[in-house]
């Protein structure tokens, strides 16, 4: 395998996303947003999504995709240290399905 295939993609940080949002809004709307305003909105969006998902609702993020709560059944797993079988309880997880607009941008 080449180094290009094994290298992980860059993980955008919250600070980088804030800078991107500021750059885009300034280019398109000429609005005078500040980094703290964008950070407040990102934090509020995360909190609102978490609350909706905790209530069992799906969350649609227009132009991005959909977050859904998915029930995961109990299953048998293995202790990674000892290799012994262990019972894993049922739990809920979150899945993300990318929307058409987002998929169209990355193809």
Protein backbone atom coordinates (compact mmCIF):
# COMPACT_ATOMS: atom_id res chain seq x y z
CA UNK A 1 0.00 0.00 0.00
CA UNK A 2 1.18 3.48 -0.73
CA UNK A 3 1.45 6.11 1.97
CA UNK A 4 -1.42 7.98 0.32
CA UNK A 5 -3.78 5.03 0.85
CA UNK A 6 -2.89 4.50 4.51
CA UNK A 7 -2.84 8.13 5.59
CA UNK A 8 -5.91 9.31 7.48
CA UNK A 9 -7.83 12.29 6.12
CA UNK A 10 -7.54 15.58 7.98
CA UNK A 11 -10.14 15.95 10.74
CA UNK A 12 -11.49 19.51 10.63
CA UNK A 13 -11.57 21.10 14.07
CA UNK A 14 -14.31 23.30 15.47
CA UNK A 15 -12.03 26.33 15.10
CA UNK A 16 -11.44 25.50 11.42
CA UNK A 17 -15.17 25.13 10.81
CA UNK A 18 -15.78 28.50 12.45
CA UNK A 19 -13.18 30.12 10.17
CA UNK A 20 -14.75 28.45 7.12
CA UNK A 21 -18.24 29.68 8.05
CA UNK A 22 -16.93 33.21 8.60
CA UNK A 23 -15.12 33.20 5.24
CA UNK A 24 -18.16 31.89 3.35
CA UNK A 25 -20.65 34.28 4.96
CA UNK A 26 -18.37 37.25 4.36
CA UNK A 27 -17.92 36.31 0.69
CA UNK A 28 -21.59 35.62 0.00
CA UNK A 29 -23.56 37.88 2.30
CA UNK A 30 -21.12 40.56 3.42
CA UNK A 31 -22.45 40.10 6.95
CA UNK A 32 -20.42 41.17 9.91
CA UNK A 33 -20.45 37.92 11.88
CA UNK A 34 -17.90 37.30 14.58
CA UNK A 35 -16.26 34.00 15.49
CA UNK A 36 -18.04 33.95 18.85
CA UNK A 37 -21.43 34.24 17.08
CA UNK A 38 -20.65 31.27 14.86
CA UNK A 39 -19.40 29.26 17.84
CA UNK A 40 -22.64 29.94 19.75
CA UNK A 41 -24.68 28.74 16.76
CA UNK A 42 -22.56 25.57 16.35
CA UNK A 43 -22.89 24.79 20.07
CA UNK A 44 -26.65 25.41 19.98
CA UNK A 45 -27.03 23.23 16.88
CA UNK A 46 -25.15 20.38 18.56
CA UNK A 47 -27.28 20.69 21.70
CA UNK A 48 -30.54 20.85 19.72
CA UNK A 49 -29.56 17.77 17.67
CA UNK A 50 -28.60 15.84 20.81
CA UNK A 51 -31.89 16.72 22.52
CA UNK A 52 -33.96 15.69 19.49
CA UNK A 53 -32.05 12.43 19.08
CA UNK A 54 -32.37 11.65 22.81
CA UNK A 55 -36.14 12.10 22.42
CA UNK A 56 -36.10 9.53 19.59
CA UNK A 57 -36.56 12.00 16.74
CA UNK A 58 -34.64 11.99 13.45
CA UNK A 59 -32.83 15.23 12.64
CA UNK A 60 -32.58 16.60 9.10
CA UNK A 61 -29.75 19.03 8.43
CA UNK A 62 -30.75 20.74 5.17
CA UNK A 63 -28.09 20.41 2.50
CA UNK A 64 -26.07 18.02 4.68
CA UNK A 65 -28.01 14.89 5.61
CA UNK A 66 -30.03 13.13 8.26
CA UNK A 67 -29.17 11.88 11.75
CA UNK A 68 -31.15 8.90 13.04
CA UNK A 69 -31.23 6.94 16.27
CA UNK A 70 -30.65 3.24 15.68
CA UNK A 71 -31.28 0.50 18.24
CA UNK A 72 -28.44 -1.99 18.48
CA UNK A 73 -29.25 -5.49 19.74
CA UNK A 74 -27.42 -7.23 22.56
CA UNK A 75 -24.57 -9.37 21.26
CA UNK A 76 -21.62 -11.44 22.25
CA UNK A 77 -18.23 -9.76 22.02
CA UNK A 78 -14.72 -10.40 23.25
CA UNK A 79 -12.65 -8.70 25.90
CA UNK A 80 -9.78 -7.23 23.84
CA UNK A 81 -7.24 -7.83 26.62
CA UNK A 82 -8.10 -11.40 27.55
CA UNK A 83 -9.98 -12.63 24.49
CA UNK A 84 -12.73 -13.99 26.75
CA UNK A 85 -16.30 -13.85 25.43
CA UNK A 86 -18.51 -11.26 27.06
CA UNK A 87 -22.11 -10.18 26.73
CA UNK A 88 -22.61 -6.66 25.35
CA UNK A 89 -25.94 -5.04 26.29
CA UNK A 90 -28.36 -3.47 23.81
CA UNK A 91 -27.80 0.22 23.19
CA UNK A 92 -28.79 3.09 20.97
CA UNK A 93 -26.44 4.65 18.46
CA UNK A 94 -26.61 7.45 15.91
CA UNK A 95 -26.31 6.96 12.16
CA UNK A 96 -25.72 9.62 9.53
CA UNK A 97 -27.03 9.47 5.98
CA UNK A 98 -25.52 12.07 3.67
CA UNK A 99 -27.98 14.08 1.59
CA UNK A 100 -27.95 14.34 -2.21
CA UNK A 101 -26.56 17.86 -2.17
CA UNK A 102 -23.59 16.86 0.01
CA UNK A 103 -22.93 13.70 -1.99
CA UNK A 104 -22.99 15.72 -5.20
CA UNK A 105 -20.29 18.03 -3.84
CA UNK A 106 -17.85 15.26 -2.89
CA UNK A 107 -18.09 13.06 -6.00
